[in-house]
Protein backbone atom coordinates (compact mmCIF):
# COMPACT_ATOMS: atom_id res chain seq x y z
CA UNK A 1 1.92 -0.21 -92.23
CA UNK A 2 2.87 -3.32 -94.22
CA UNK A 3 5.38 -5.91 -93.02
CA UNK A 4 7.72 -4.83 -95.80
CA UNK A 5 7.57 -1.20 -94.71
CA UNK A 6 8.10 -2.16 -91.07
CA UNK A 7 11.28 -4.07 -91.97
CA UNK A 8 12.58 -1.07 -93.90
CA UNK A 9 11.84 1.28 -91.00
CA UNK A 10 13.46 -1.06 -88.48
CA UNK A 11 16.71 -1.28 -90.44
CA UNK A 12 16.65 2.45 -91.18
CA UNK A 13 16.52 3.07 -87.43
CA UNK A 14 19.60 0.89 -86.90
CA UNK A 15 21.50 2.51 -89.77
CA UNK A 16 20.65 6.05 -88.65
CA UNK A 17 22.20 5.27 -85.28
CA UNK A 18 25.52 4.47 -86.96
CA UNK A 19 27.03 7.47 -88.72
CA UNK A 20 29.45 5.43 -90.85
CA UNK A 21 26.72 3.27 -92.38
CA UNK A 22 25.48 5.90 -94.81
CA UNK A 23 26.18 3.64 -97.81
CA UNK A 24 23.69 1.06 -96.56
CA UNK A 25 20.27 1.29 -98.19
CA UNK A 26 17.65 0.19 -95.60
CA UNK A 27 15.30 -1.13 -98.27
CA UNK A 28 17.99 -3.32 -99.79
CA UNK A 29 18.92 -4.67 -96.37
CA UNK A 30 15.25 -5.29 -95.58
CA UNK A 31 14.95 -7.28 -98.78
CA UNK A 32 17.89 -9.44 -97.80
CA UNK A 33 16.39 -9.98 -94.35
CA UNK A 34 13.04 -11.06 -95.83
CA UNK A 35 14.87 -13.42 -98.17
CA UNK A 36 16.46 -15.12 -95.17
CA UNK A 37 13.50 -15.63 -92.85
CA UNK A 38 14.88 -18.80 -91.23
CA UNK A 39 18.29 -18.27 -89.65
CA UNK A 40 18.83 -21.82 -88.35
CA UNK A 41 17.54 -25.34 -88.74
CA UNK A 42 15.98 -25.08 -85.29
CA UNK A 43 13.96 -22.08 -86.50
CA UNK A 44 12.64 -24.32 -89.26
CA UNK A 45 11.92 -27.25 -86.93
CA UNK A 46 9.92 -25.05 -84.53
CA UNK A 47 8.01 -23.37 -87.35
CA UNK A 48 7.13 -26.60 -89.16
CA UNK A 49 6.26 -28.54 -85.98
CA UNK A 50 3.57 -25.96 -85.28
CA UNK A 51 2.23 -26.37 -88.81
CA UNK A 52 2.15 -30.14 -88.50
CA UNK A 53 0.33 -30.05 -85.15
CA UNK A 54 -2.27 -27.70 -86.62
CA UNK A 55 -2.70 -30.03 -89.60
CA UNK A 56 -3.16 -33.02 -87.26
CA UNK A 57 -5.89 -31.15 -85.39
CA UNK A 58 -7.57 -30.20 -88.68
CA UNK A 59 -7.56 -33.85 -89.75
CA UNK A 60 -9.10 -34.93 -86.44
CA UNK A 61 -11.96 -32.55 -87.18
CA UNK A 62 -12.31 -33.49 -90.85
CA UNK A 63 -10.63 -36.53 -92.46
CA UNK A 64 -10.73 -34.77 -95.84
CA UNK A 65 -7.96 -32.52 -94.49
CA UNK A 66 -5.21 -35.11 -94.97
CA UNK A 67 -1.63 -34.24 -95.90
CA UNK A 68 0.74 -35.51 -98.60
CA UNK A 69 4.39 -35.66 -99.53
CA UNK A 70 6.83 -37.04 -102.07
CA UNK A 71 10.23 -38.47 -101.19
CA UNK A 72 13.13 -36.29 -102.35
CA UNK A 73 16.76 -37.42 -102.55
CA UNK A 74 18.35 -34.05 -103.37
CA UNK A 75 17.73 -30.45 -102.36
CA UNK A 76 17.06 -29.45 -105.96
CA UNK A 77 14.35 -32.11 -106.29
CA UNK A 78 12.62 -30.89 -103.12
CA UNK A 79 12.92 -27.29 -104.27
CA UNK A 80 11.42 -27.95 -107.69
CA UNK A 81 8.59 -29.92 -106.10
CA UNK A 82 7.60 -27.03 -103.84
CA UNK A 83 7.97 -24.46 -106.63
CA UNK A 84 5.66 -26.61 -108.76
CA UNK A 85 3.11 -26.94 -105.96
CA UNK A 86 3.00 -23.17 -105.46
CA UNK A 87 2.67 -22.60 -109.21
CA UNK A 88 -0.12 -25.10 -109.83
CA UNK A 89 -1.98 -25.14 -106.50
CA UNK A 90 -1.18 -21.61 -105.22
CA UNK A 91 -0.40 -22.85 -101.70
CA UNK A 92 1.94 -25.28 -99.97
CA UNK A 93 -0.64 -25.98 -97.26
CA UNK A 94 -0.73 -29.66 -96.22
CA UNK A 95 2.08 -30.57 -98.63
CA UNK A 96 5.25 -31.83 -96.97
CA UNK A 97 8.61 -33.33 -97.84
CA UNK A 98 9.56 -36.93 -97.15
CA UNK A 99 13.13 -38.06 -96.58
CA UNK A 100 13.48 -41.73 -97.41
CA UNK A 101 16.19 -43.82 -95.77
CA UNK A 102 15.95 -46.08 -98.84
CA UNK A 103 16.94 -43.20 -101.14
CA UNK A 104 19.69 -42.02 -98.80
CA UNK A 105 21.16 -45.53 -98.93
CA UNK A 106 20.71 -45.89 -102.68
CA UNK A 107 21.80 -42.41 -103.76
CA UNK A 108 23.59 -40.43 -101.04
CA UNK A 109 26.12 -42.78 -99.46
CA UNK A 110 29.88 -42.43 -99.91
CA UNK A 111 29.93 -46.20 -100.32
CA UNK A 112 27.84 -45.88 -103.47
CA UNK A 113 24.43 -47.50 -104.00
CA UNK A 114 23.47 -49.62 -100.99
CA UNK A 115 20.43 -51.70 -100.03
CA UNK A 116 18.04 -50.31 -97.44
CA UNK A 117 19.76 -51.95 -94.47
CA UNK A 118 21.12 -48.98 -92.46
CA UNK A 119 24.61 -49.47 -93.86
CA UNK A 120 24.97 -45.89 -95.07
CA UNK A 121 26.59 -43.16 -93.02
CA UNK A 122 24.06 -42.01 -90.45
CA UNK A 123 25.07 -38.37 -90.87
CA UNK A 124 24.00 -38.56 -94.52
CA UNK A 125 20.42 -38.32 -93.20
CA UNK A 126 20.88 -35.04 -91.33
CA UNK A 127 23.03 -33.68 -94.17
CA UNK A 128 20.20 -34.26 -96.63
CA UNK A 129 17.70 -32.52 -94.33
CA UNK A 130 20.01 -29.50 -94.20
CA UNK A 131 20.46 -29.60 -97.98
CA UNK A 132 16.71 -29.77 -98.62
CA UNK A 133 16.04 -26.74 -96.47
CA UNK A 134 18.96 -24.84 -98.00
CA UNK A 135 17.33 -25.26 -101.41
CA UNK A 136 13.86 -24.35 -100.10
CA UNK A 137 15.21 -21.20 -98.49
CA UNK A 138 16.88 -20.33 -101.79
CA UNK A 139 13.51 -20.82 -103.52
CA UNK A 140 12.11 -18.20 -101.14
CA UNK A 141 14.97 -15.84 -101.91
CA UNK A 142 14.56 -16.30 -105.66
CA UNK A 143 10.80 -15.74 -105.72
CA UNK A 144 11.06 -12.68 -103.49
CA UNK A 145 13.89 -11.34 -105.65
CA UNK A 146 11.60 -11.54 -108.69
CA UNK A 147 8.92 -9.65 -106.75
CA UNK A 148 11.43 -6.97 -105.70
CA UNK A 149 12.51 -6.58 -109.35
CA UNK A 150 8.86 -6.23 -110.42
CA UNK A 151 8.29 -3.68 -107.64
CA UNK A 152 11.20 -1.57 -108.87
CA UNK A 153 9.88 -1.76 -112.43
CA UNK A 154 6.38 -0.65 -111.35
CA UNK A 155 7.83 2.27 -109.40
CA UNK A 156 10.01 3.30 -112.35
CA UNK A 157 6.92 3.25 -114.58
CA UNK A 158 5.00 5.36 -112.06
CA UNK A 159 2.34 2.66 -111.72
CA UNK A 160 1.31 3.05 -108.07
CA UNK A 161 -1.52 0.53 -108.30
CA UNK A 162 0.82 -2.14 -109.65
CA UNK A 163 3.43 -1.32 -107.03
CA UNK A 164 0.82 -1.66 -104.26
CA UNK A 165 -0.30 -5.01 -105.70
CA UNK A 166 3.26 -6.34 -105.75
CA UNK A 167 3.99 -5.07 -102.24
CA UNK A 168 0.89 -6.93 -101.01
CA UNK A 169 2.34 -10.12 -102.52
CA UNK A 170 5.59 -9.47 -100.65
CA UNK A 171 3.73 -8.86 -97.40
CA UNK A 172 1.70 -12.07 -97.82
CA UNK A 173 4.50 -14.21 -99.21
CA UNK A 174 4.12 -17.94 -98.47
CA UNK A 175 7.38 -19.73 -97.80
CA UNK A 176 8.48 -22.88 -99.61
CA UNK A 177 9.66 -24.24 -96.25
CA UNK A 178 7.30 -27.03 -95.18
CA UNK A 179 7.42 -29.90 -92.66
CA UNK A 180 9.64 -32.85 -93.41
CA UNK A 181 8.94 -36.41 -92.29
CA UNK A 182 12.45 -37.78 -91.84
CA UNK A 183 13.39 -41.46 -91.72
CA UNK A 184 15.79 -42.47 -88.94
CA UNK A 185 15.43 -46.16 -89.87
CA UNK A 186 15.68 -48.33 -86.73
CA UNK A 187 17.75 -45.73 -84.89
CA UNK A 188 21.26 -46.66 -86.10
CA UNK A 189 22.30 -48.41 -82.90
CA UNK A 190 21.39 -48.22 -79.24
CA UNK A 191 19.12 -45.50 -77.78
CA UNK A 192 22.08 -43.17 -77.20
CA UNK A 193 23.00 -43.43 -80.89
CA UNK A 194 19.37 -42.75 -81.78
CA UNK A 195 19.31 -39.68 -79.53
CA UNK A 196 22.52 -38.26 -81.01
CA UNK A 197 21.34 -38.68 -84.60
CA UNK A 198 17.88 -37.32 -83.75
CA UNK A 199 19.56 -34.18 -82.38
CA UNK A 200 21.48 -33.71 -85.62
CA UNK A 201 18.31 -34.19 -87.66
CA UNK A 202 16.35 -31.69 -85.56
CA UNK A 203 19.16 -29.15 -85.66
CA UNK A 204 19.09 -29.51 -89.46
CA UNK A 205 15.36 -28.67 -89.47
CA UNK A 206 13.40 -31.91 -88.97
CA UNK A 207 10.17 -31.47 -87.02
CA UNK A 208 9.03 -35.05 -87.54
CA UNK A 209 11.09 -38.22 -87.12
CA UNK A 210 9.95 -41.67 -88.20
CA UNK A 211 11.45 -44.69 -86.43
CA UNK A 212 10.75 -48.39 -86.93
CA UNK A 213 10.65 -51.39 -84.62
CA UNK A 214 13.18 -53.55 -86.43
CA UNK A 215 16.49 -54.66 -84.95
CA UNK A 216 18.97 -51.93 -85.86
CA UNK A 217 21.76 -54.21 -87.08
CA UNK A 218 19.33 -56.54 -88.89
CA UNK A 219 17.22 -53.78 -90.50
CA UNK A 220 15.63 -54.60 -93.86
CA UNK A 221 13.55 -52.60 -96.29
CA UNK A 222 9.91 -52.86 -95.24
CA UNK A 223 9.03 -54.46 -98.59
CA UNK A 224 11.64 -57.21 -98.41
CA UNK A 225 11.83 -60.45 -96.49
CA UNK A 226 13.93 -61.20 -93.40
CA UNK A 227 12.60 -58.47 -91.11
CA UNK A 228 13.31 -58.92 -87.40
CA UNK A 229 11.44 -56.93 -84.73
CA UNK A 230 12.42 -55.99 -81.18
CA UNK A 231 10.46 -56.24 -77.92
CA UNK A 232 8.36 -53.18 -77.09
CA UNK A 233 10.63 -52.02 -74.27
CA UNK A 234 13.57 -51.69 -76.70
CA UNK A 235 11.49 -49.70 -79.16
CA UNK A 236 9.98 -47.44 -76.51
CA UNK A 237 13.46 -46.57 -75.26
CA UNK A 238 14.25 -45.20 -78.73
CA UNK A 239 10.97 -43.28 -78.90
CA UNK A 240 11.96 -41.74 -75.56
CA UNK A 241 15.42 -40.93 -76.95
CA UNK A 242 13.88 -38.98 -79.85
CA UNK A 243 11.50 -37.15 -77.51
CA UNK A 244 14.37 -36.14 -75.23
CA UNK A 245 16.21 -34.77 -78.27
CA UNK A 246 13.20 -32.66 -79.25
CA UNK A 247 12.78 -31.33 -75.71
CA UNK A 248 16.47 -30.59 -75.23
CA UNK A 249 16.47 -28.46 -78.37
CA UNK A 250 13.26 -26.62 -77.49
CA UNK A 251 11.07 -28.21 -80.17
CA UNK A 252 8.44 -29.13 -77.60
CA UNK A 253 5.81 -30.08 -80.17
CA UNK A 254 8.09 -32.23 -82.35
CA UNK A 255 6.33 -35.19 -83.94
CA UNK A 256 7.32 -38.86 -83.66
CA UNK A 257 6.06 -41.47 -86.12
CA UNK A 258 6.24 -45.02 -84.75
CA UNK A 259 6.51 -47.52 -87.58
CA UNK A 260 5.73 -51.21 -87.14
CA UNK A 261 6.99 -53.85 -89.54
CA UNK A 262 5.29 -56.65 -87.63
CA UNK A 263 2.81 -57.47 -90.40
CA UNK A 264 5.62 -58.83 -92.54
CA UNK A 265 8.13 -59.74 -89.84
CA UNK A 266 8.07 -63.34 -88.65
CA UNK A 267 11.15 -63.19 -86.45
CA UNK A 268 12.46 -61.61 -83.26
CA UNK A 269 16.04 -61.44 -82.12
CA UNK A 270 15.30 -61.78 -78.44
CA UNK A 271 12.74 -62.91 -75.92
CA UNK A 272 11.18 -60.01 -74.04
CA UNK A 273 11.82 -59.50 -70.35
CA UNK A 274 8.66 -60.19 -68.35
CA UNK A 275 8.03 -59.80 -64.64
CA UNK A 276 4.47 -61.00 -64.33
CA UNK A 277 1.73 -62.59 -66.42
CA UNK A 278 0.00 -60.13 -68.76
CA UNK A 279 2.70 -57.46 -68.77
CA UNK A 280 4.04 -56.10 -72.06
CA UNK A 281 6.91 -58.56 -72.24
CA UNK A 282 4.58 -61.45 -71.60
CA UNK A 283 2.22 -60.25 -74.35
CA UNK A 284 5.13 -60.08 -76.81
CA UNK A 285 6.34 -63.55 -75.88
CA UNK A 286 2.83 -64.96 -76.27
CA UNK A 287 3.27 -64.67 -80.04
CA UNK A 288 6.37 -66.90 -80.05
CA UNK A 289 6.04 -70.17 -81.90
CA UNK A 290 7.15 -73.20 -79.94
CA UNK A 291 6.26 -76.35 -78.06
CA UNK A 292 5.21 -76.81 -74.46
CA UNK A 293 7.44 -79.22 -72.55
CA UNK A 294 6.33 -81.61 -69.84
CA UNK A 295 9.67 -82.53 -68.32
CA UNK A 296 13.39 -81.87 -68.44
CA UNK A 297 13.81 -84.78 -70.84
CA UNK A 298 12.04 -82.73 -73.51
CA UNK A 299 14.76 -80.08 -73.30
CA UNK A 300 17.86 -80.55 -75.45
CA UNK A 301 21.30 -79.03 -75.00
CA UNK A 302 21.17 -75.30 -75.70
CA UNK A 303 17.38 -75.06 -75.76
CA UNK A 304 15.75 -71.93 -74.34
CA UNK A 305 12.69 -72.39 -72.17
CA UNK A 306 10.35 -69.71 -70.79
CA UNK A 307 7.30 -69.81 -68.59
CA UNK A 308 4.12 -68.78 -70.40
CA UNK A 309 0.47 -69.37 -69.59
CA UNK A 310 1.54 -71.26 -66.49
CA UNK A 311 3.51 -73.76 -68.57
CA UNK A 312 7.04 -74.23 -69.88
CA UNK A 313 7.37 -73.14 -73.52
CA UNK A 314 10.35 -74.00 -75.73
CA UNK A 315 10.35 -71.29 -78.45
CA UNK A 316 11.45 -72.31 -81.92
CA UNK A 317 14.90 -70.96 -82.55
CA UNK A 318 16.45 -70.90 -86.02
CA UNK A 319 20.05 -71.71 -86.90
CA UNK A 320 20.64 -67.94 -86.99
CA UNK A 321 19.71 -67.73 -83.31
CA UNK A 322 16.53 -65.82 -84.12
CA UNK A 323 13.17 -66.82 -82.68
CA UNK A 324 10.09 -67.40 -84.78
CA UNK A 325 6.59 -65.98 -84.28
CA UNK A 326 3.46 -68.05 -84.77
CA UNK A 327 1.97 -67.84 -88.22
CA UNK A 328 -0.94 -65.49 -88.86
CA UNK A 329 -0.19 -63.33 -85.80
CA UNK A 330 1.01 -60.30 -87.78
CA UNK A 331 -2.18 -58.27 -87.49
CA UNK A 332 -2.46 -58.86 -83.74
CA UNK A 333 1.16 -57.87 -83.27
CA UNK A 334 0.65 -54.72 -85.35
CA UNK A 335 -2.32 -53.69 -83.22
CA UNK A 336 -0.39 -54.24 -79.98
CA UNK A 337 2.65 -52.38 -81.37
CA UNK A 338 0.56 -49.38 -82.38
CA UNK A 339 -1.43 -49.09 -79.17
CA UNK A 340 1.72 -49.45 -77.10
CA UNK A 341 3.60 -46.80 -79.11
CA UNK A 342 0.77 -44.26 -78.92
CA UNK A 343 0.36 -44.84 -75.19
CA UNK A 344 4.08 -44.28 -74.69
CA UNK A 345 4.95 -41.07 -76.49
CA UNK A 346 4.47 -41.57 -80.24
CA UNK A 347 2.20 -39.17 -82.11
CA UNK A 348 1.53 -40.96 -85.38
CA UNK A 349 1.66 -44.53 -86.65
CA UNK A 350 3.13 -46.14 -89.73
CA UNK A 351 1.96 -49.63 -90.61
CA UNK A 352 4.02 -51.20 -93.38
CA UNK A 353 1.71 -53.39 -95.45
CA UNK A 354 2.27 -55.80 -98.33
CA UNK A 355 -0.41 -54.21 -100.53
CA UNK A 356 -2.42 -50.96 -100.77
CA UNK A 357 -5.82 -52.11 -99.58
CA UNK A 358 -8.14 -49.70 -97.74
CA UNK A 359 -10.08 -52.50 -96.08
CA UNK A 360 -6.99 -54.21 -94.70
CA UNK A 361 -5.63 -50.97 -93.25
CA UNK A 362 -9.02 -50.01 -91.80
CA UNK A 363 -9.37 -53.38 -90.08
CA UNK A 364 -6.21 -52.72 -88.07
CA UNK A 365 -6.89 -49.02 -87.45
CA UNK A 366 -10.39 -49.69 -86.15
CA UNK A 367 -8.97 -52.08 -83.57
CA UNK A 368 -6.29 -49.57 -82.57
CA UNK A 369 -8.90 -46.83 -82.21
CA UNK A 370 -10.79 -48.90 -79.68
CA UNK A 371 -7.92 -48.09 -77.31
CA UNK A 372 -6.73 -44.76 -78.83
CA UNK A 373 -9.68 -43.06 -80.56
CA UNK A 374 -7.66 -40.39 -82.38
CA UNK A 375 -5.00 -42.77 -83.74
CA UNK A 376 -3.67 -41.51 -87.08
CA UNK A 377 -1.42 -43.04 -89.70
CA UNK A 378 1.38 -42.02 -91.99
CA UNK A 379 1.07 -44.39 -94.94
CA UNK A 380 3.59 -45.42 -97.54
CA UNK A 381 2.02 -45.34 -101.00
CA UNK A 382 4.99 -47.41 -102.01
CA UNK A 383 6.46 -47.87 -105.51
CA UNK A 384 7.23 -51.40 -104.30
CA UNK A 385 3.55 -52.17 -104.82
CA UNK A 386 2.39 -53.03 -108.32
CA UNK A 387 -0.50 -50.58 -108.10
CA UNK A 388 -1.98 -51.47 -111.48
CA UNK A 389 -2.09 -55.22 -110.81
CA UNK A 390 -3.21 -54.85 -107.18
CA UNK A 391 -6.18 -52.65 -107.96
CA UNK A 392 -7.24 -54.56 -111.04
CA UNK A 393 -7.26 -57.70 -108.94
CA UNK A 394 -9.22 -55.91 -106.20
CA UNK A 395 -11.86 -54.91 -108.74
CA UNK A 396 -11.86 -58.41 -110.22
CA UNK A 397 -12.42 -59.96 -106.78
CA UNK A 398 -15.15 -57.44 -105.89
CA UNK A 399 -16.98 -58.05 -109.16
CA UNK A 400 -16.69 -61.79 -108.76
CA UNK A 401 -18.10 -61.60 -105.24
CA UNK A 402 -20.99 -59.49 -106.55
CA UNK A 403 -21.74 -62.17 -109.14
CA UNK A 404 -20.63 -60.06 -112.09
CA UNK A 405 -19.28 -61.90 -115.15
CA UNK A 406 -15.45 -61.70 -115.13
CA UNK A 407 -14.84 -64.47 -117.68
CA UNK A 408 -13.26 -61.97 -120.09
CA UNK A 409 -10.37 -61.39 -117.70
CA UNK A 410 -7.42 -63.53 -116.61
CA UNK A 411 -6.80 -62.49 -112.99
CA UNK A 412 -3.14 -63.49 -113.10
CA UNK A 413 -2.47 -61.42 -116.24
CA UNK A 414 -4.40 -58.26 -115.46
CA UNK A 415 -1.23 -56.17 -115.75
CA UNK A 416 -1.31 -56.80 -119.50
CA UNK A 417 -1.70 -53.76 -121.76
CA UNK A 418 -4.57 -55.49 -123.55
CA UNK A 419 -6.78 -54.70 -120.55
CA UNK A 420 -5.92 -50.98 -120.36
CA UNK A 421 -9.12 -49.74 -122.04
CA UNK A 422 -11.48 -52.22 -120.40
CA UNK A 423 -14.21 -51.43 -117.92
CA UNK A 424 -12.30 -53.27 -115.20
CA UNK A 425 -9.09 -51.30 -115.80
CA UNK A 426 -10.93 -47.98 -115.77
CA UNK A 427 -12.67 -48.93 -112.51
CA UNK A 428 -9.30 -49.88 -111.01
CA UNK A 429 -7.76 -46.57 -112.10
CA UNK A 430 -10.60 -44.70 -110.42
CA UNK A 431 -9.91 -46.59 -107.18
CA UNK A 432 -6.23 -45.63 -107.46
CA UNK A 433 -7.17 -41.99 -108.09
CA UNK A 434 -9.32 -41.83 -104.96
CA UNK A 435 -7.18 -44.14 -102.81
CA UNK A 436 -5.73 -41.38 -100.65
CA UNK A 437 -9.08 -39.71 -100.10
CA UNK A 438 -10.82 -43.03 -99.40
CA UNK A 439 -8.10 -44.30 -97.07
CA UNK A 440 -8.02 -41.05 -95.12
CA UNK A 441 -11.76 -41.23 -94.61
CA UNK A 442 -12.05 -44.95 -93.87
CA UNK A 443 -8.65 -46.01 -92.51
CA UNK A 444 -7.33 -43.11 -90.43
CA UNK A 445 -4.53 -42.04 -92.74
CA UNK A 446 -3.46 -38.49 -91.92
CA UNK A 447 -0.40 -38.36 -94.16
CA UNK A 448 0.10 -40.02 -97.53
CA UNK A 449 3.59 -40.22 -98.95
CA UNK A 450 5.38 -41.92 -101.80
CA UNK A 451 8.78 -42.97 -100.51
CA UNK A 452 10.89 -42.89 -103.65
CA UNK A 453 8.96 -41.44 -106.60
CA UNK A 454 11.70 -39.05 -107.68
CA UNK A 455 14.15 -41.97 -107.88
CA UNK A 456 11.87 -43.43 -110.54
CA UNK A 457 11.06 -40.14 -112.31
CA UNK A 458 14.77 -39.37 -112.64
CA UNK A 459 15.37 -42.79 -114.17
CA UNK A 460 12.39 -42.54 -116.55
CA UNK A 461 13.14 -39.02 -117.81
CA UNK A 462 16.84 -39.83 -118.26
CA UNK A 463 15.95 -42.97 -120.22
CA UNK A 464 13.64 -41.02 -122.51
CA UNK A 465 16.29 -38.38 -123.21
CA UNK A 466 19.13 -40.87 -123.71
CA UNK A 467 17.00 -43.03 -126.02
CA UNK A 468 16.63 -40.21 -128.54
CA UNK A 469 19.74 -38.07 -128.01
CA UNK A 470 22.23 -40.88 -128.57
CA UNK A 471 20.27 -42.17 -131.57
CA UNK A 472 18.77 -40.46 -134.62
CA UNK A 473 16.97 -37.62 -132.84
CA UNK A 474 20.13 -35.95 -131.57
CA UNK A 475 19.48 -32.47 -130.19
CA UNK A 476 15.80 -32.73 -131.10
CA UNK A 477 15.40 -35.26 -128.27
CA UNK A 478 16.41 -32.56 -125.78
CA UNK A 479 14.74 -29.62 -127.50
CA UNK A 480 11.40 -31.33 -128.15
CA UNK A 481 11.26 -33.53 -125.08
CA UNK A 482 12.74 -31.15 -122.50
CA UNK A 483 13.37 -27.49 -123.31
CA UNK A 484 10.29 -26.88 -125.43
CA UNK A 485 8.15 -28.46 -122.72
CA UNK A 486 9.84 -26.39 -120.00
CA UNK A 487 9.10 -23.17 -121.89
CA UNK A 488 5.50 -24.05 -122.68
CA UNK A 489 4.70 -25.40 -119.22
CA UNK A 490 6.39 -22.53 -117.40
CA UNK A 491 8.98 -24.67 -115.61
CA UNK A 492 11.00 -22.26 -113.49
CA UNK A 493 14.38 -23.88 -114.03
CA UNK A 494 14.28 -23.36 -117.80
CA UNK A 495 16.05 -20.15 -116.74
CA UNK A 496 18.70 -22.18 -114.99
CA UNK A 497 21.01 -19.21 -114.37
CA UNK A 498 18.21 -17.49 -112.47
CA UNK A 499 17.40 -20.67 -110.56
CA UNK A 500 21.03 -21.01 -109.52
CA UNK A 501 20.96 -17.50 -108.04
CA UNK A 502 22.56 -15.36 -110.73
CA UNK A 503 19.94 -12.58 -110.55
CA UNK A 504 20.03 -12.56 -106.75
CA UNK A 505 23.80 -12.19 -106.98
CA UNK A 506 23.48 -9.33 -109.45
CA UNK A 507 21.14 -7.46 -107.13
CA UNK A 508 23.49 -8.04 -104.21
CA UNK A 509 26.39 -6.66 -106.26
CA UNK A 510 24.34 -3.52 -106.90
CA UNK A 511 23.52 -3.22 -103.19
CA UNK A 512 27.20 -3.53 -102.30
CA UNK A 513 28.87 -1.52 -105.07
CA UNK A 514 26.16 0.58 -106.68
CA UNK A 515 26.75 1.58 -110.31
CA UNK A 516 30.22 0.03 -110.22
CA UNK A 517 28.76 -3.47 -109.99
CA UNK A 518 29.72 -5.88 -112.78
CA UNK A 519 26.49 -7.76 -113.42
CA UNK A 520 25.94 -11.05 -115.28
CA UNK A 521 22.37 -10.45 -116.43
CA UNK A 522 23.04 -7.91 -119.18
CA UNK A 523 22.00 -7.87 -122.83
CA UNK A 524 24.47 -10.61 -123.78
CA UNK A 525 23.02 -13.09 -121.29
CA UNK A 526 21.54 -15.89 -123.40
CA UNK A 527 18.88 -16.47 -120.76
CA UNK A 528 17.16 -13.42 -122.24
CA UNK A 529 16.01 -15.73 -125.05
CA UNK A 530 13.45 -17.28 -122.72
């Protein structure tokens, strides 16, 4: 017996036991139940955590089995992404959602657009997770509703083979609900604040929470200057807070991504507590820039002095009160951060880099894997990188090192359109195309994401429409550039009434009121033109 038939029989059994429920059609109720597979956000978190753990194990066995996501700032954007993936690739396997704190700040705050500095309302993060999964669940309901309609049509036509084929699709239906990697920034306060927000995020459906080692009240975007890190003990307390939230809510296999911004952070807000030489605090303090002092006369009013390497060190403190790290220690600090996080409860790493370079990432990962052999990364394929210029310069440098003639190219101007059709540009594009595959094989990247692509696609598509619509093209700008393309490419939301749930509502009305139902999808519905 199929899953669909089992659901019908189960509800029929319940209805038959209640004599006043004769108006309830078990098949209609079974359809509604199948359209609402996930009752709560915790159901989603438990389901997706299992998927993510299985994907991590698959990657450990074969680095070609990496995962990907795009950042989505609205439920509709996430929904359309997953609908598109199912349409073009037939499966959502290894394709996730990413929730970017940058986009929450820029697009979802009641304060209006804000920089990525944790100034937005913290509950906006959990609210967006809930919104994303609401839209994904509706995508399930819509696609199943179309299958139910097709099943009824096949039955009415007496086509048993077609009906069996459609029922098999219902039985083997793949949900649009996928794991989400959710950005909790630097934890929005102390560990208790981190724990409380993590709970809200998990209850909304998050199975994976990403947290960074910046100072919460000094947090900066990872691709901007002025980043300030915290000692390891502070960061580990927040990792513990997130783990406790997962365990309290019964998501025992929840995933924590520990992000380090140390590569680009030259400052710390505080000196780490250390009890003995070589402990974690002492290792953190060893990176502090400063001068050794010989006597009390070398110490000025207000100076801070610590004991390090058996000597007295006076760390350099800025006018802001922040302490400065030694130059060129970023890589070593990243490696220590990552090993420490993995050895203290984190599952995955995120290393924020200043450029997309497989060799640079691999250098750090190889050192980390000396201590933690199965270390894996989540990597930000960031729009903050100039991908075209970076990769053209990488090819230029590689060719130059190989002794190849590069005199036809100006390295500083390789972004220029005049180079687009050149051999160098084509080689660079090929490196960009294979970057994710290459980096997953050579640099331990399990999950590739683009933090804010849909921010940029929304801006680009809106610009293209506005450029023509408000000028000479008028309606042709929309018809030619949008609607005609939607129809020809089979974009689901061209039937926007259907996408918004009109047909689902019509079917529900028929379930509830039978032939008396007033339905919206009749012959005068203009959506019938599509």
